[in-house]
Amino acid sequence: MHSALFEKLDRFIERCADLEHVIETAMNYNVLKEVIIGGTKGDKFTKDIKNIYAMFDETLKTFTNNTFKGKGPELDGKDYDVMDVYDKATCEQFREDFRAFKNQMKHIDKRVASVISQSFEDNTTFYARFKLFEMFDEVI
């Protein structure tokens, strides 16, 4: 009986946690806009990071356009409300959109890690490597 009583509340809390994850990801990746990497190949790595940020920005826009009421697709003739945890079609659509966001973020994370790794190899001094990790502190 306890689980039936709190099932809707649990679904709402889970949805809030999912949205919190998206917001934290956006805040962490926002630092990529201003990253400038040094070293002999710094210009190339900086350009790569700018391209990765553009990919992230597009992923975030796609997710928010799909999930927030009035901007996303219609389900059964009505707007898709991201906070509606009672409607089965809405819940399924949110799960699908959130899964797509997380999958795309895995790909983006791998690209960031690759650039950091390559840049770490390019920057041979302790100071340059420390500065590199400091720039990406929020992301990694």
C-alpha atoms as a PDB file:
ATOM      1  CA  MET A   1       0.000   0.000   0.000  1.00  0.00           C
ATOM      2  CA  HIS A   2       2.875   2.336   0.798  1.00  0.00           C
ATOM      3  CA  SER A   3       4.246   2.090  -2.748  1.00  0.00           C
ATOM      4  CA  ALA A   4       0.844   2.784  -4.311  1.00  0.00           C
ATOM      5  CA  LEU A   5       0.394   5.796  -2.080  1.00  0.00           C
ATOM      6  CA  PHE A   6       3.694   7.395  -2.997  1.00  0.00           C
ATOM      7  CA  GLU A   7       4.042   6.167  -6.572  1.00  0.00           C
ATOM      8  CA  LYS A   8       3.104   9.512  -8.145  1.00  0.00           C
ATOM      9  CA  LEU A   9       5.323  11.424  -5.749  1.00  0.00           C
ATOM     10  CA  ASP A  10       8.221   9.080  -6.543  1.00  0.00           C
ATOM     11  CA  ARG A  11       7.687   9.603 -10.281  1.00  0.00           C
ATOM     12  CA  PHE A  12       7.663  13.379  -9.781  1.00  0.00           C
ATOM     13  CA  ILE A  13      10.860  13.270  -7.701  1.00  0.00           C
ATOM     14  CA  GLU A  14      12.526  11.098 -10.355  1.00  0.00           C
ATOM     15  CA  ARG A  15      11.497  13.562 -13.081  1.00  0.00           C
ATOM     16  CA  CYS A  16      12.918  16.447 -11.046  1.00  0.00           C
ATOM     17  CA  ALA A  17      16.193  14.532 -10.629  1.00  0.00           C
ATOM     18  CA  ASP A  18      16.366  13.925 -14.389  1.00  0.00           C
ATOM     19  CA  LEU A  19      15.821  17.624 -15.093  1.00  0.00           C
ATOM     20  CA  GLU A  20      18.385  18.532 -12.439  1.00  0.00           C
ATOM     21  CA  HIS A  21      20.878  16.309 -14.285  1.00  0.00           C
ATOM     22  CA  VAL A  22      20.206  18.204 -17.522  1.00  0.00           C
ATOM     23  CA  ILE A  23      20.619  21.582 -15.796  1.00  0.00           C
ATOM     24  CA  GLU A  24      23.877  20.550 -14.095  1.00  0.00           C
ATOM     25  CA  THR A  25      25.194  19.232 -17.397  1.00  0.00           C
ATOM     26  CA  ALA A  26      24.332  22.531 -19.090  1.00  0.00           C
ATOM     27  CA  MET A  27      26.046  24.517 -16.352  1.00  0.00           C
ATOM     28  CA  ASN A  28      29.162  22.344 -16.522  1.00  0.00           C
ATOM     29  CA  TYR A  29      29.416  22.433 -20.310  1.00  0.00           C
ATOM     30  CA  ASN A  30      28.828  26.174 -20.434  1.00  0.00           C
ATOM     31  CA  VAL A  31      32.515  26.697 -19.535  1.00  0.00           C
ATOM     32  CA  LEU A  32      33.488  25.280 -22.943  1.00  0.00           C
ATOM     33  CA  LYS A  33      32.398  28.535 -24.589  1.00  0.00           C
ATOM     34  CA  GLU A  34      35.436  30.321 -23.179  1.00  0.00           C
ATOM     35  CA  VAL A  35      38.126  27.627 -23.239  1.00  0.00           C
ATOM     36  CA  ILE A  36      41.368  28.539 -24.971  1.00  0.00           C
ATOM     37  CA  ILE A  37      43.972  25.784 -25.050  1.00  0.00           C
ATOM     38  CA  GLY A  38      47.680  26.492 -25.303  1.00  0.00           C
ATOM     39  CA  GLY A  39      50.506  24.440 -26.711  1.00  0.00           C
ATOM     40  CA  THR A  40      51.800  23.830 -30.195  1.00  0.00           C
ATOM     41  CA  LYS A  41      48.426  22.515 -31.371  1.00  0.00           C
ATOM     42  CA  GLY A  42      46.386  24.784 -29.106  1.00  0.00           C
ATOM     43  CA  ASP A  43      44.521  26.490 -31.947  1.00  0.00           C
ATOM     44  CA  LYS A  44      43.368  23.138 -33.321  1.00  0.00           C
ATOM     45  CA  PHE A  45      42.277  21.906 -29.877  1.00  0.00           C
ATOM     46  CA  THR A  46      40.474  25.181 -29.131  1.00  0.00           C
ATOM     47  CA  LYS A  47      38.618  24.882 -32.445  1.00  0.00           C
ATOM     48  CA  ASP A  48      37.733  21.267 -31.611  1.00  0.00           C
ATOM     49  CA  ILE A  49      36.319  22.367 -28.235  1.00  0.00           C
ATOM     50  CA  LYS A  50      34.271  25.129 -29.895  1.00  0.00           C
ATOM     51  CA  ASN A  51      32.835  22.518 -32.287  1.00  0.00           C
ATOM     52  CA  ILE A  52      32.058  20.204 -29.367  1.00  0.00           C
ATOM     53  CA  TYR A  53      30.330  23.067 -27.547  1.00  0.00           C
ATOM     54  CA  ALA A  54      28.234  23.760 -30.657  1.00  0.00           C
ATOM     55  CA  MET A  55      27.274  20.072 -30.722  1.00  0.00           C
ATOM     56  CA  PHE A  56      26.361  20.221 -27.034  1.00  0.00           C
ATOM     57  CA  ASP A  57      24.342  23.411 -27.535  1.00  0.00           C
ATOM     58  CA  GLU A  58      22.382  21.775 -30.350  1.00  0.00           C
ATOM     59  CA  THR A  59      21.771  18.666 -28.195  1.00  0.00           C
ATOM     60  CA  LEU A  60      20.481  20.810 -25.340  1.00  0.00           C
ATOM     61  CA  LYS A  61      18.259  22.854 -27.662  1.00  0.00           C
ATOM     62  CA  THR A  62      16.798  19.686 -29.158  1.00  0.00           C
ATOM     63  CA  PHE A  63      16.045  18.299 -25.703  1.00  0.00           C
ATOM     64  CA  THR A  64      14.470  21.507 -24.397  1.00  0.00           C
ATOM     65  CA  ASN A  65      12.465  22.083 -27.568  1.00  0.00           C
ATOM     66  CA  ASN A  66      11.110  18.551 -27.332  1.00  0.00           C
ATOM     67  CA  THR A  67      10.286  18.605 -23.647  1.00  0.00           C
ATOM     68  CA  PHE A  68       8.966  22.007 -22.604  1.00  0.00           C
ATOM     69  CA  LYS A  69       5.294  22.786 -23.032  1.00  0.00           C
ATOM     70  CA  GLY A  70       4.349  24.875 -26.003  1.00  0.00           C
ATOM     71  CA  LYS A  71       7.620  24.194 -27.852  1.00  0.00           C
ATOM     72  CA  GLY A  72       7.637  20.464 -28.346  1.00  0.00           C
ATOM     73  CA  PRO A  73       5.611  17.878 -30.196  1.00  0.00           C
ATOM     74  CA  GLU A  74       1.979  17.256 -29.507  1.00  0.00           C
ATOM     75  CA  LEU A  75       0.839  13.973 -28.038  1.00  0.00           C
ATOM     76  CA  ASP A  76      -2.765  12.933 -28.554  1.00  0.00           C
ATOM     77  CA  GLY A  77      -3.668  16.460 -29.685  1.00  0.00           C
ATOM     78  CA  LYS A  78      -2.276  18.236 -26.619  1.00  0.00           C
ATOM     79  CA  ASP A  79       1.042  19.847 -25.719  1.00  0.00           C
ATOM     80  CA  TYR A  80       3.711  17.664 -24.175  1.00  0.00           C
ATOM     81  CA  ASP A  81       4.221  18.898 -20.589  1.00  0.00           C
ATOM     82  CA  VAL A  82       7.570  17.819 -19.139  1.00  0.00           C
ATOM     83  CA  MET A  83       6.237  17.890 -15.572  1.00  0.00           C
ATOM     84  CA  ASP A  84       3.204  15.715 -16.303  1.00  0.00           C
ATOM     85  CA  VAL A  85       4.116  12.442 -14.597  1.00  0.00           C
ATOM     86  CA  TYR A  86       0.547  11.108 -14.701  1.00  0.00           C
ATOM     87  CA  ASP A  87       0.009  10.774 -18.451  1.00  0.00           C
ATOM     88  CA  LYS A  88       1.495   7.531 -19.796  1.00  0.00           C
ATOM     89  CA  ALA A  89       2.213   8.910 -23.298  1.00  0.00           C
ATOM     90  CA  THR A  90       3.971  11.951 -21.828  1.00  0.00           C
ATOM     91  CA  CYS A  91       6.076   9.757 -19.535  1.00  0.00           C
ATOM     92  CA  GLU A  92       7.108   7.538 -22.435  1.00  0.00           C
ATOM     93  CA  GLN A  93       7.980  10.548 -24.595  1.00  0.00           C
ATOM     94  CA  PHE A  94      10.040  12.118 -21.818  1.00  0.00           C
ATOM     95  CA  ARG A  95      11.930   8.861 -21.229  1.00  0.00           C
ATOM     96  CA  GLU A  96      12.697   8.660 -24.942  1.00  0.00           C
ATOM     97  CA  ASP A  97      13.855  12.299 -25.114  1.00  0.00           C
ATOM     98  CA  PHE A  98      15.933  11.983 -21.934  1.00  0.00           C
ATOM     99  CA  ARG A  99      17.522   8.748 -23.157  1.00  0.00           C
ATOM    100  CA  ALA A 100      18.435  10.422 -26.455  1.00  0.00           C
ATOM    101  CA  PHE A 101      19.957  13.358 -24.551  1.00  0.00           C
ATOM    102  CA  LYS A 102      22.042  11.056 -22.335  1.00  0.00           C
ATOM    103  CA  ASN A 103      23.232   8.990 -25.309  1.00  0.00           C
ATOM    104  CA  GLN A 104      24.299  12.100 -27.194  1.00  0.00           C
ATOM    105  CA  MET A 105      26.077  13.380 -24.065  1.00  0.00           C
ATOM    106  CA  LYS A 106      28.079  10.136 -23.846  1.00  0.00           C
ATOM    107  CA  HIS A 107      29.335  10.796 -27.366  1.00  0.00           C
ATOM    108  CA  ILE A 108      30.154  14.426 -26.515  1.00  0.00           C
ATOM    109  CA  ASP A 109      31.909  13.388 -23.282  1.00  0.00           C
ATOM    110  CA  LYS A 110      34.148  11.039 -25.260  1.00  0.00           C
ATOM    111  CA  ARG A 111      35.065  13.817 -27.678  1.00  0.00           C
ATOM    112  CA  VAL A 112      35.949  16.177 -24.813  1.00  0.00           C
ATOM    113  CA  ALA A 113      38.051  13.467 -23.176  1.00  0.00           C
ATOM    114  CA  SER A 114      39.869  12.884 -26.455  1.00  0.00           C
ATOM    115  CA  VAL A 115      40.723  16.572 -26.845  1.00  0.00           C
ATOM    116  CA  ILE A 116      41.884  16.798 -23.227  1.00  0.00           C
ATOM    117  CA  SER A 117      44.046  13.715 -23.654  1.00  0.00           C
ATOM    118  CA  GLN A 118      45.622  14.979 -26.870  1.00  0.00           C
ATOM    119  CA  SER A 119      46.180  18.407 -25.366  1.00  0.00           C
ATOM    120  CA  PHE A 120      47.730  16.848 -22.266  1.00  0.00           C
ATOM    121  CA  GLU A 121      50.254  15.084 -24.495  1.00  0.00           C
ATOM    122  CA  ASP A 122      50.927  18.304 -26.422  1.00  0.00           C
ATOM    123  CA  ASN A 123      51.513  20.391 -23.272  1.00  0.00           C
ATOM    124  CA  THR A 124      54.656  18.991 -21.739  1.00  0.00           C
ATOM    125  CA  THR A 125      55.207  21.326 -18.778  1.00  0.00           C
ATOM    126  CA  PHE A 126      53.658  20.762 -15.381  1.00  0.00           C
ATOM    127  CA  TYR A 127      52.172  24.273 -15.348  1.00  0.00           C
ATOM    128  CA  ALA A 128      50.548  23.872 -18.780  1.00  0.00           C
ATOM    129  CA  ARG A 129      49.027  20.527 -17.805  1.00  0.00           C
ATOM    130  CA  PHE A 130      47.749  21.921 -14.514  1.00  0.00           C
ATOM    131  CA  LYS A 131      46.199  24.870 -16.364  1.00  0.00           C
ATOM    132  CA  LEU A 132      44.551  22.441 -18.789  1.00  0.00           C
ATOM    133  CA  PHE A 133      42.891  20.486 -15.991  1.00  0.00           C
ATOM    134  CA  GLU A 134      41.873  23.709 -14.286  1.00  0.00           C
ATOM    135  CA  MET A 135      40.077  24.858 -17.464  1.00  0.00           C
ATOM    136  CA  PHE A 136      38.104  21.618 -17.657  1.00  0.00           C
ATOM    137  CA  ASP A 137      37.498  21.269 -13.918  1.00  0.00           C
ATOM    138  CA  GLU A 138      33.711  21.584 -14.239  1.00  0.00           C
ATOM    139  CA  VAL A 139      33.401  19.226 -17.202  1.00  0.00           C
ATOM    140  CA  ILE A 140      35.560  16.286 -16.094  1.00  0.00           C
END
